[in-house]
Amino acid sequence: MLQKLIGELVELRQSFKKEKQFKLKELSSELIEQAALTNDYFKALMSLIAYSLYKLSSKTHVRKNPKWKLARTEILSHLDAAIGLLEKHDFRNAEEELRNAVGHISRADSEISNYAKGIFEKSKTKMASSAYSFGLSLGQAAWLTGADKKDLMNYIGITKMHEEAGVSLGISERLKNLKGALSA
């Protein structure tokens, strides 16, 4: 289980370093689904980081800004540190390193981006919406990602996720999936 988590964080780091934006987006979706199934805050944080990096690094004006190079280096450094700490089974400090990466993401966003509301805050709402679509309650989804409940309700109300999802899994099938994920 720990090796899988380390592998996912390494994949996140490599995708960001190699500027594979769509891989970051795909990874963020996979991580939030796993986080929702297992109520795993650490994976939810990784999902938020992956989605925020996808959004930032996919913008040409961000990538061309000289401040981005330094921010990118700092973010990679924190991701490296988190990987090293996880390898030593130090989850608390690994989480702190991820939070430091979030700080650099938010700072870069506020200095470079064209929007008033930060990408990381938008990512919380987007990922909470995804967690909600996987069967979490609104409150659980907001708690897992740190999203504002009011923003989440508004976002869910204007999306068409429920129309795209088709037939969802019943409670027995979700319970079976959860048991399988927990025993892995």
N, C-alpha and C. Protein backbone atom coordinates (compact mmCIF):
# COMPACT_ATOMS: atom_id res chain seq x y z
N MET A 1 0.83 -1.19 0.00
CA MET A 1 0.00 0.00 0.00
C MET A 1 0.88 1.26 0.00
N LEU A 2 1.92 1.27 0.85
CA LEU A 2 2.83 2.41 0.90
C LEU A 2 3.57 2.56 -0.41
N GLN A 3 4.01 1.44 -0.99
CA GLN A 3 4.74 1.51 -2.26
C GLN A 3 3.86 2.07 -3.38
N LYS A 4 2.58 1.74 -3.34
CA LYS A 4 1.65 2.26 -4.34
C LYS A 4 1.52 3.78 -4.18
N LEU A 5 1.40 4.23 -2.94
CA LEU A 5 1.29 5.66 -2.67
C LEU A 5 2.54 6.40 -3.13
N ILE A 6 3.70 5.83 -2.82
CA ILE A 6 4.96 6.45 -3.27
C ILE A 6 5.01 6.48 -4.79
N GLY A 7 4.60 5.39 -5.42
CA GLY A 7 4.58 5.34 -6.89
C GLY A 7 3.67 6.39 -7.49
N GLU A 8 2.53 6.61 -6.87
CA GLU A 8 1.61 7.64 -7.37
C GLU A 8 2.19 9.03 -7.21
N LEU A 9 2.88 9.26 -6.10
CA LEU A 9 3.50 10.58 -5.89
C LEU A 9 4.66 10.78 -6.86
N VAL A 10 5.41 9.74 -7.12
CA VAL A 10 6.49 9.81 -8.10
C VAL A 10 5.91 10.10 -9.49
N GLU A 11 4.80 9.44 -9.82
CA GLU A 11 4.15 9.67 -11.11
C GLU A 11 3.66 11.12 -11.22
N LEU A 12 3.10 11.65 -10.14
CA LEU A 12 2.65 13.04 -10.12
C LEU A 12 3.83 13.97 -10.39
N ARG A 13 4.94 13.73 -9.66
CA ARG A 13 6.14 14.55 -9.81
C ARG A 13 6.68 14.49 -11.25
N GLN A 14 6.79 13.27 -11.78
CA GLN A 14 7.34 13.10 -13.13
C GLN A 14 6.43 13.74 -14.18
N SER A 15 5.15 13.60 -14.02
CA SER A 15 4.21 14.21 -14.97
C SER A 15 4.34 15.72 -14.96
N PHE A 16 4.50 16.29 -13.77
CA PHE A 16 4.68 17.74 -13.66
C PHE A 16 6.02 18.16 -14.25
N LYS A 17 7.08 17.44 -13.91
CA LYS A 17 8.41 17.79 -14.41
C LYS A 17 8.47 17.72 -15.93
N LYS A 18 7.85 16.70 -16.50
CA LYS A 18 7.89 16.50 -17.95
C LYS A 18 6.78 17.26 -18.68
N GLU A 19 6.04 18.08 -17.92
CA GLU A 19 4.97 18.91 -18.46
C GLU A 19 3.90 18.09 -19.21
N LYS A 20 3.51 16.99 -18.61
CA LYS A 20 2.45 16.15 -19.16
C LYS A 20 1.15 16.54 -18.47
N GLN A 21 0.57 17.65 -18.95
CA GLN A 21 -0.60 18.22 -18.30
C GLN A 21 -1.78 17.26 -18.25
N PHE A 22 -2.05 16.57 -19.34
CA PHE A 22 -3.22 15.70 -19.35
C PHE A 22 -3.02 14.48 -18.45
N LYS A 23 -1.78 14.05 -18.27
CA LYS A 23 -1.50 12.97 -17.33
C LYS A 23 -1.79 13.46 -15.91
N LEU A 24 -1.45 14.72 -15.61
CA LEU A 24 -1.77 15.29 -14.30
C LEU A 24 -3.27 15.30 -14.06
N LYS A 25 -4.01 15.68 -15.08
CA LYS A 25 -5.47 15.71 -14.95
C LYS A 25 -6.02 14.30 -14.72
N GLU A 26 -5.54 13.36 -15.49
CA GLU A 26 -5.96 11.96 -15.35
C GLU A 26 -5.61 11.43 -13.96
N LEU A 27 -4.41 11.73 -13.50
CA LEU A 27 -3.97 11.29 -12.19
C LEU A 27 -4.81 11.91 -11.07
N SER A 28 -5.18 13.17 -11.24
CA SER A 28 -6.01 13.82 -10.22
C SER A 28 -7.36 13.11 -10.10
N SER A 29 -7.92 12.69 -11.22
CA SER A 29 -9.20 11.96 -11.20
C SER A 29 -9.06 10.60 -10.52
N GLU A 30 -7.99 9.89 -10.85
CA GLU A 30 -7.76 8.58 -10.24
C GLU A 30 -7.56 8.70 -8.73
N LEU A 31 -6.79 9.71 -8.32
CA LEU A 31 -6.50 9.88 -6.90
C LEU A 31 -7.73 10.28 -6.10
N ILE A 32 -8.56 11.15 -6.66
CA ILE A 32 -9.75 11.57 -5.90
C ILE A 32 -10.74 10.41 -5.80
N GLU A 33 -10.79 9.56 -6.81
CA GLU A 33 -11.67 8.39 -6.72
C GLU A 33 -11.19 7.46 -5.61
N GLN A 34 -9.88 7.20 -5.56
CA GLN A 34 -9.33 6.36 -4.49
C GLN A 34 -9.54 7.01 -3.13
N ALA A 35 -9.34 8.32 -3.05
CA ALA A 35 -9.52 9.04 -1.79
C ALA A 35 -10.96 8.95 -1.31
N ALA A 36 -11.90 9.05 -2.24
CA ALA A 36 -13.32 8.97 -1.89
C ALA A 36 -13.69 7.57 -1.40
N LEU A 37 -13.14 6.56 -2.06
CA LEU A 37 -13.45 5.18 -1.68
C LEU A 37 -12.88 4.80 -0.31
N THR A 38 -11.73 5.37 0.02
CA THR A 38 -11.04 4.97 1.25
C THR A 38 -10.99 6.07 2.30
N ASN A 39 -11.61 7.22 2.00
CA ASN A 39 -11.60 8.37 2.91
C ASN A 39 -10.17 8.76 3.26
N ASP A 40 -9.32 8.83 2.25
CA ASP A 40 -7.89 9.06 2.41
C ASP A 40 -7.55 10.52 2.11
N TYR A 41 -7.32 11.28 3.18
CA TYR A 41 -7.03 12.71 3.04
C TYR A 41 -5.72 12.94 2.28
N PHE A 42 -4.72 12.11 2.49
CA PHE A 42 -3.42 12.27 1.84
C PHE A 42 -3.58 12.17 0.32
N LYS A 43 -4.33 11.17 -0.14
CA LYS A 43 -4.55 11.03 -1.58
C LYS A 43 -5.40 12.18 -2.13
N ALA A 44 -6.33 12.67 -1.31
CA ALA A 44 -7.12 13.82 -1.74
C ALA A 44 -6.22 15.03 -1.94
N LEU A 45 -5.27 15.22 -1.03
CA LEU A 45 -4.32 16.33 -1.16
C LEU A 45 -3.47 16.17 -2.42
N MET A 46 -3.02 14.95 -2.69
CA MET A 46 -2.27 14.69 -3.92
C MET A 46 -3.11 15.00 -5.14
N SER A 47 -4.39 14.65 -5.09
CA SER A 47 -5.30 14.92 -6.19
C SER A 47 -5.43 16.42 -6.44
N LEU A 48 -5.58 17.16 -5.35
CA LEU A 48 -5.70 18.62 -5.46
C LEU A 48 -4.44 19.23 -6.07
N ILE A 49 -3.30 18.74 -5.66
CA ILE A 49 -2.03 19.24 -6.20
C ILE A 49 -1.93 18.91 -7.69
N ALA A 50 -2.24 17.66 -8.05
CA ALA A 50 -2.16 17.26 -9.46
C ALA A 50 -3.09 18.12 -10.32
N TYR A 51 -4.31 18.35 -9.86
CA TYR A 51 -5.26 19.14 -10.64
C TYR A 51 -4.81 20.60 -10.74
N SER A 52 -4.32 21.15 -9.64
CA SER A 52 -3.85 22.54 -9.65
C SER A 52 -2.66 22.71 -10.59
N LEU A 53 -1.74 21.75 -10.55
CA LEU A 53 -0.58 21.81 -11.45
C LEU A 53 -1.00 21.66 -12.90
N TYR A 54 -1.99 20.81 -13.14
CA TYR A 54 -2.53 20.67 -14.49
C TYR A 54 -3.07 22.02 -14.98
N LYS A 55 -3.89 22.65 -14.15
CA LYS A 55 -4.52 23.90 -14.55
C LYS A 55 -3.46 25.00 -14.78
N LEU A 56 -2.52 25.12 -13.86
CA LEU A 56 -1.50 26.17 -13.99
C LEU A 56 -0.59 25.92 -15.18
N SER A 57 -0.04 24.71 -15.26
CA SER A 57 0.96 24.45 -16.29
C SER A 57 0.38 24.34 -17.69
N SER A 58 -0.93 24.26 -17.80
CA SER A 58 -1.53 24.22 -19.14
C SER A 58 -1.78 25.62 -19.70
N LYS A 59 -1.50 26.63 -18.92
CA LYS A 59 -1.69 28.01 -19.38
C LYS A 59 -0.37 28.58 -19.92
N THR A 60 -0.38 28.99 -21.17
CA THR A 60 0.82 29.48 -21.82
C THR A 60 1.40 30.69 -21.10
N HIS A 61 0.55 31.63 -20.68
CA HIS A 61 1.07 32.83 -20.03
C HIS A 61 1.75 32.50 -18.70
N VAL A 62 1.35 31.42 -18.05
CA VAL A 62 2.00 30.99 -16.81
C VAL A 62 3.36 30.39 -17.14
N ARG A 63 3.39 29.47 -18.10
CA ARG A 63 4.65 28.80 -18.45
C ARG A 63 5.70 29.78 -18.95
N LYS A 64 5.27 30.85 -19.61
CA LYS A 64 6.23 31.83 -20.15
C LYS A 64 6.68 32.86 -19.12
N ASN A 65 6.01 32.93 -18.00
CA ASN A 65 6.36 33.91 -16.98
C ASN A 65 7.65 33.48 -16.26
N PRO A 66 8.62 34.39 -16.11
CA PRO A 66 9.88 34.03 -15.44
C PRO A 66 9.69 33.55 -13.99
N LYS A 67 8.64 33.97 -13.33
CA LYS A 67 8.39 33.55 -11.95
C LYS A 67 8.02 32.06 -11.88
N TRP A 68 7.51 31.53 -12.97
CA TRP A 68 7.07 30.14 -12.99
C TRP A 68 8.25 29.18 -12.84
N LYS A 69 9.39 29.53 -13.44
CA LYS A 69 10.56 28.65 -13.37
C LYS A 69 10.97 28.43 -11.92
N LEU A 70 11.04 29.48 -11.14
CA LEU A 70 11.40 29.36 -9.73
C LEU A 70 10.33 28.59 -8.96
N ALA A 71 9.07 28.91 -9.20
CA ALA A 71 7.97 28.22 -8.52
C ALA A 71 8.00 26.73 -8.83
N ARG A 72 8.23 26.42 -10.08
CA ARG A 72 8.29 25.03 -10.52
C ARG A 72 9.41 24.27 -9.79
N THR A 73 10.57 24.90 -9.69
CA THR A 73 11.71 24.30 -8.98
C THR A 73 11.36 24.05 -7.51
N GLU A 74 10.72 25.02 -6.88
CA GLU A 74 10.33 24.89 -5.46
C GLU A 74 9.29 23.77 -5.28
N ILE A 75 8.32 23.72 -6.17
CA ILE A 75 7.28 22.69 -6.08
C ILE A 75 7.91 21.31 -6.24
N LEU A 76 8.78 21.15 -7.23
CA LEU A 76 9.46 19.87 -7.44
C LEU A 76 10.29 19.48 -6.22
N SER A 77 10.93 20.45 -5.61
CA SER A 77 11.73 20.19 -4.41
C SER A 77 10.86 19.65 -3.27
N HIS A 78 9.69 20.23 -3.09
CA HIS A 78 8.79 19.76 -2.03
C HIS A 78 8.23 18.37 -2.36
N LEU A 79 7.95 18.12 -3.63
CA LEU A 79 7.48 16.80 -4.02
C LEU A 79 8.57 15.75 -3.78
N ASP A 80 9.82 16.10 -4.11
CA ASP A 80 10.95 15.20 -3.85
C ASP A 80 11.08 14.90 -2.36
N ALA A 81 10.98 15.95 -1.55
CA ALA A 81 11.09 15.78 -0.10
C ALA A 81 9.97 14.89 0.43
N ALA A 82 8.76 15.09 -0.09
CA ALA A 82 7.62 14.26 0.35
C ALA A 82 7.85 12.80 0.01
N ILE A 83 8.37 12.54 -1.17
CA ILE A 83 8.67 11.17 -1.59
C ILE A 83 9.69 10.54 -0.64
N GLY A 84 10.76 11.28 -0.36
CA GLY A 84 11.79 10.78 0.55
C GLY A 84 11.25 10.49 1.94
N LEU A 85 10.38 11.35 2.43
CA LEU A 85 9.80 11.16 3.75
C LEU A 85 8.85 9.96 3.78
N LEU A 86 8.09 9.78 2.71
CA LEU A 86 7.21 8.60 2.64
C LEU A 86 8.03 7.31 2.65
N GLU A 87 9.16 7.34 1.96
CA GLU A 87 10.03 6.16 1.95
C GLU A 87 10.53 5.83 3.35
N LYS A 88 10.59 6.83 4.22
CA LYS A 88 11.00 6.64 5.61
C LYS A 88 9.79 6.45 6.54
N HIS A 89 8.61 6.31 5.95
CA HIS A 89 7.36 6.11 6.69
C HIS A 89 6.98 7.32 7.55
N ASP A 90 7.42 8.49 7.15
CA ASP A 90 7.14 9.73 7.90
C ASP A 90 5.99 10.48 7.20
N PHE A 91 4.77 10.03 7.47
CA PHE A 91 3.59 10.58 6.80
C PHE A 91 3.33 12.03 7.20
N ARG A 92 3.54 12.35 8.47
CA ARG A 92 3.23 13.69 8.97
C ARG A 92 4.10 14.74 8.25
N ASN A 93 5.39 14.49 8.18
CA ASN A 93 6.27 15.45 7.51
C ASN A 93 6.11 15.42 5.99
N ALA A 94 5.76 14.26 5.44
CA ALA A 94 5.48 14.18 4.00
C ALA A 94 4.28 15.05 3.66
N GLU A 95 3.25 14.98 4.52
CA GLU A 95 2.07 15.82 4.31
C GLU A 95 2.44 17.30 4.41
N GLU A 96 3.31 17.62 5.33
CA GLU A 96 3.77 19.02 5.48
C GLU A 96 4.49 19.49 4.21
N GLU A 97 5.27 18.61 3.62
CA GLU A 97 5.96 18.97 2.36
C GLU A 97 4.94 19.19 1.23
N LEU A 98 3.89 18.38 1.21
CA LEU A 98 2.84 18.59 0.20
C LEU A 98 2.15 19.93 0.44
N ARG A 99 1.94 20.27 1.70
CA ARG A 99 1.33 21.57 2.03
C ARG A 99 2.25 22.73 1.61
N ASN A 100 3.56 22.52 1.75
CA ASN A 100 4.51 23.54 1.30
C ASN A 100 4.44 23.70 -0.22
N ALA A 101 4.27 22.58 -0.93
CA ALA A 101 4.10 22.65 -2.38
C ALA A 101 2.84 23.43 -2.72
N VAL A 102 1.77 23.21 -1.95
CA VAL A 102 0.52 23.95 -2.16
C VAL A 102 0.76 25.44 -1.96
N GLY A 103 1.56 25.80 -0.97
CA GLY A 103 1.89 27.21 -0.74
C GLY A 103 2.55 27.84 -1.95
N HIS A 104 3.46 27.12 -2.57
CA HIS A 104 4.13 27.64 -3.77
C HIS A 104 3.19 27.69 -4.96
N ILE A 105 2.31 26.72 -5.05
CA ILE A 105 1.30 26.72 -6.12
C ILE A 105 0.41 27.95 -5.97
N SER A 106 -0.07 28.17 -4.76
CA SER A 106 -0.96 29.31 -4.51
C SER A 106 -0.26 30.64 -4.74
N ARG A 107 0.98 30.73 -4.30
CA ARG A 107 1.74 31.97 -4.49
C ARG A 107 1.98 32.24 -5.98
N ALA A 108 2.38 31.21 -6.71
CA ALA A 108 2.60 31.37 -8.15
C ALA A 108 1.30 31.77 -8.84
N ASP A 109 0.22 31.14 -8.43
CA ASP A 109 -1.09 31.44 -9.01
C ASP A 109 -1.46 32.90 -8.77
N SER A 110 -1.27 33.36 -7.55
CA SER A 110 -1.67 34.75 -7.24
C SER A 110 -0.78 35.76 -7.95
N GLU A 111 0.48 35.42 -8.20
CA GLU A 111 1.40 36.35 -8.85
C GLU A 111 1.30 36.32 -10.37
N ILE A 112 0.92 35.18 -10.93
CA ILE A 112 0.96 35.01 -12.38
C ILE A 112 -0.42 34.95 -13.03
N SER A 113 -1.38 34.35 -12.34
CA SER A 113 -2.68 34.07 -12.94
C SER A 113 -3.49 35.34 -13.19
N ASN A 114 -4.49 35.20 -14.02
CA ASN A 114 -5.36 36.33 -14.38
C ASN A 114 -6.67 36.35 -13.59
N TYR A 115 -6.83 35.44 -12.64
CA TYR A 115 -8.10 35.31 -11.95
C TYR A 115 -7.99 35.67 -10.47
N ALA A 116 -9.09 36.18 -9.93
CA ALA A 116 -9.11 36.60 -8.53
C ALA A 116 -9.15 35.38 -7.60
N LYS A 117 -9.98 34.40 -7.93
CA LYS A 117 -10.07 33.21 -7.09
C LYS A 117 -9.00 32.23 -7.53
N GLY A 118 -8.22 31.75 -6.56
CA GLY A 118 -7.07 30.91 -6.86
C GLY A 118 -7.42 29.55 -7.42
N ILE A 119 -6.49 29.03 -8.19
CA ILE A 119 -6.66 27.73 -8.81
C ILE A 119 -6.79 26.64 -7.76
N PHE A 120 -6.03 26.73 -6.67
CA PHE A 120 -6.11 25.69 -5.65
C PHE A 120 -7.50 25.65 -5.01
N GLU A 121 -8.09 26.81 -4.78
CA GLU A 121 -9.44 26.85 -4.21
C GLU A 121 -10.46 26.28 -5.20
N LYS A 122 -10.29 26.60 -6.47
CA LYS A 122 -11.17 26.03 -7.49
C LYS A 122 -10.99 24.51 -7.57
N SER A 123 -9.75 24.06 -7.40
CA SER A 123 -9.46 22.64 -7.44
C SER A 123 -10.17 21.91 -6.31
N LYS A 124 -10.22 22.53 -5.14
CA LYS A 124 -10.92 21.91 -4.01
C LYS A 124 -12.38 21.64 -4.37
N THR A 125 -13.01 22.63 -4.97
CA THR A 125 -14.42 22.48 -5.34
C THR A 125 -14.59 21.43 -6.43
N LYS A 126 -13.73 21.44 -7.43
CA LYS A 126 -13.81 20.48 -8.53
C LYS A 126 -13.61 19.05 -8.04
N MET A 127 -12.58 18.84 -7.20
CA MET A 127 -12.30 17.50 -6.70
C MET A 127 -13.37 17.05 -5.70
N ALA A 128 -13.91 17.97 -4.92
CA ALA A 128 -15.01 17.63 -4.00
C ALA A 128 -16.23 17.19 -4.80
N SER A 129 -16.47 17.85 -5.91
CA SER A 129 -17.58 17.47 -6.78
C SER A 129 -17.38 16.05 -7.32
N SER A 130 -16.16 15.74 -7.69
CA SER A 130 -15.85 14.39 -8.16
C SER A 130 -16.06 13.37 -7.05
N ALA A 131 -15.58 13.70 -5.84
CA ALA A 131 -15.75 12.79 -4.70
C ALA A 131 -17.24 12.58 -4.43
N TYR A 132 -18.02 13.64 -4.55
CA TYR A 132 -19.47 13.56 -4.37
C TYR A 132 -20.07 12.62 -5.41
N SER A 133 -19.58 12.71 -6.64
CA SER A 133 -20.10 11.85 -7.70
C SER A 133 -19.76 10.38 -7.48
N PHE A 134 -18.73 10.11 -6.65
CA PHE A 134 -18.36 8.73 -6.33
C PHE A 134 -19.14 8.19 -5.14
N GLY A 135 -20.07 9.00 -4.63
CA GLY A 135 -20.95 8.50 -3.59
C GLY A 135 -20.79 9.10 -2.21
N LEU A 136 -19.82 10.00 -2.03
CA LEU A 136 -19.69 10.64 -0.72
C LEU A 136 -20.82 11.65 -0.54
N SER A 137 -21.16 11.90 0.71
CA SER A 137 -22.13 12.95 0.97
C SER A 137 -21.47 14.30 0.68
N LEU A 138 -22.28 15.32 0.57
CA LEU A 138 -21.76 16.66 0.32
C LEU A 138 -20.78 17.06 1.42
N GLY A 139 -21.14 16.80 2.67
CA GLY A 139 -20.28 17.14 3.81
C GLY A 139 -18.98 16.36 3.79
N GLN A 140 -19.05 15.06 3.49
CA GLN A 140 -17.84 14.25 3.42
C GLN A 140 -16.92 14.72 2.30
N ALA A 141 -17.49 15.03 1.15
CA ALA A 141 -16.69 15.49 0.01
C ALA A 141 -16.02 16.83 0.34
N ALA A 142 -16.75 17.72 0.98
CA ALA A 142 -16.18 19.02 1.36
C ALA A 142 -15.07 18.84 2.38
N TRP A 143 -15.30 17.96 3.36
CA TRP A 143 -14.28 17.72 4.39
C TRP A 143 -13.02 17.12 3.78
N LEU A 144 -13.17 16.13 2.92
CA LEU A 144 -12.04 15.42 2.35
C LEU A 144 -11.12 16.35 1.57
N THR A 145 -11.69 17.32 0.88
CA THR A 145 -10.90 18.20 0.02
C THR A 145 -10.68 19.59 0.61
N GLY A 146 -11.41 19.92 1.65
CA GLY A 146 -11.30 21.26 2.22
C GLY A 146 -12.11 22.30 1.46
N ALA A 147 -13.02 21.85 0.63
CA ALA A 147 -13.85 22.75 -0.18
C ALA A 147 -14.90 23.43 0.69
N ASP A 148 -15.29 24.61 0.29
CA ASP A 148 -16.38 25.33 0.93
C ASP A 148 -17.70 24.67 0.50
N LYS A 149 -18.55 24.34 1.48
CA LYS A 149 -19.81 23.64 1.15
C LYS A 149 -20.70 24.46 0.23
N LYS A 150 -20.77 25.76 0.46
CA LYS A 150 -21.62 26.59 -0.39
C LYS A 150 -21.11 26.60 -1.83
N ASP A 151 -19.80 26.76 -1.99
CA ASP A 151 -19.22 26.72 -3.34
C ASP A 151 -19.47 25.36 -3.98
N LEU A 152 -19.34 24.30 -3.18
CA LEU A 152 -19.55 22.95 -3.70
C LEU A 152 -21.00 22.76 -4.16
N MET A 153 -21.95 23.20 -3.34
CA MET A 153 -23.36 23.08 -3.73
C MET A 153 -23.64 23.84 -5.01
N ASN A 154 -23.10 25.04 -5.12
CA ASN A 154 -23.29 25.83 -6.34
C ASN A 154 -22.68 25.13 -7.55
N TYR A 155 -21.49 24.59 -7.38
CA TYR A 155 -20.80 23.92 -8.48
C TYR A 155 -21.58 22.68 -8.92
N ILE A 156 -22.00 21.88 -7.96
CA ILE A 156 -22.76 20.67 -8.29
C ILE A 156 -24.07 21.04 -8.99
N GLY A 157 -24.67 22.13 -8.56
CA GLY A 157 -25.92 22.57 -9.16
C GLY A 157 -25.81 23.00 -10.60
N ILE A 158 -24.62 23.51 -10.99
CA ILE A 158 -24.47 23.98 -12.38
C ILE A 158 -23.81 22.96 -13.29
N THR A 159 -23.30 21.87 -12.72
CA THR A 159 -22.69 20.85 -13.58
C THR A 159 -23.75 19.86 -14.04
N LYS A 160 -23.36 19.04 -14.97
CA LYS A 160 -24.26 18.01 -15.48
C LYS A 160 -23.66 16.63 -15.21
N MET A 161 -22.86 16.54 -14.14
CA MET A 161 -22.19 15.27 -13.82
C MET A 161 -23.19 14.14 -13.64
N HIS A 162 -24.29 14.44 -12.99
CA HIS A 162 -25.29 13.40 -12.75
C HIS A 162 -25.87 12.85 -14.05
N GLU A 163 -25.91 13.69 -15.09
CA GLU A 163 -26.42 13.24 -16.38
C GLU A 163 -25.38 12.41 -17.12
N GLU A 164 -24.08 12.74 -16.91
CA GLU A 164 -23.01 12.02 -17.59
C GLU A 164 -22.71 10.69 -16.93
N ALA A 165 -22.96 10.58 -15.64
CA ALA A 165 -22.55 9.41 -14.88
C ALA A 165 -23.31 8.16 -15.28
N GLY A 166 -24.52 8.32 -15.76
CA GLY A 166 -25.31 7.16 -16.12
C GLY A 166 -25.75 6.40 -14.88
N VAL A 167 -25.80 5.08 -14.97
CA VAL A 167 -26.22 4.27 -13.83
C VAL A 167 -25.05 4.16 -12.87
N SER A 168 -25.29 4.57 -11.62
CA SER A 168 -24.22 4.48 -10.63
C SER A 168 -24.31 3.15 -9.91
N LEU A 169 -23.26 2.86 -9.16
CA LEU A 169 -23.22 1.62 -8.40
C LEU A 169 -24.16 1.70 -7.21
N GLY A 170 -24.78 0.61 -6.90
CA GLY A 170 -25.62 0.54 -5.71
C GLY A 170 -24.76 0.45 -4.47
N ILE A 171 -25.39 0.55 -3.32
CA ILE A 171 -24.67 0.55 -2.06
C ILE A 171 -23.92 -0.76 -1.84
N SER A 172 -24.50 -1.89 -2.23
CA SER A 172 -23.83 -3.18 -2.04
C SER A 172 -22.57 -3.27 -2.90
N GLU A 173 -22.64 -2.78 -4.13
CA GLU A 173 -21.48 -2.81 -5.02
C GLU A 173 -20.40 -1.85 -4.52
N ARG A 174 -20.79 -0.66 -4.03
CA ARG A 174 -19.82 0.27 -3.47
C ARG A 174 -19.15 -0.30 -2.24
N LEU A 175 -19.91 -0.98 -1.39
CA LEU A 175 -19.36 -1.61 -0.19
C LEU A 175 -18.36 -2.69 -0.58
N LYS A 176 -18.70 -3.49 -1.59
CA LYS A 176 -17.81 -4.52 -2.09
C LYS A 176 -16.49 -3.91 -2.60
N ASN A 177 -16.59 -2.81 -3.36
CA ASN A 177 -15.40 -2.12 -3.87
C ASN A 177 -14.57 -1.57 -2.72
N LEU A 178 -15.22 -1.01 -1.73
CA LEU A 178 -14.51 -0.45 -0.59
C LEU A 178 -13.77 -1.55 0.18
N LYS A 179 -14.42 -2.68 0.41
CA LYS A 179 -13.77 -3.80 1.08
C LYS A 179 -12.57 -4.28 0.29
N GLY A 180 -12.72 -4.33 -1.03
CA GLY A 180 -11.60 -4.74 -1.88
C GLY A 180 -10.45 -3.76 -1.81
N ALA A 181 -10.76 -2.46 -1.78
CA ALA A 181 -9.71 -1.44 -1.71
C ALA A 181 -9.00 -1.48 -0.36
N LEU A 182 -9.74 -1.74 0.69
CA LEU A 182 -9.15 -1.79 2.02
C LEU A 182 -8.29 -3.02 2.24
N SER A 183 -8.63 -4.12 1.57
CA SER A 183 -7.85 -5.35 1.75
C SER A 183 -6.62 -5.38 0.84
N ALA A 184 -6.54 -4.46 -0.12
CA ALA A 184 -5.39 -4.43 -1.04
C ALA A 184 -4.14 -3.91 -0.40
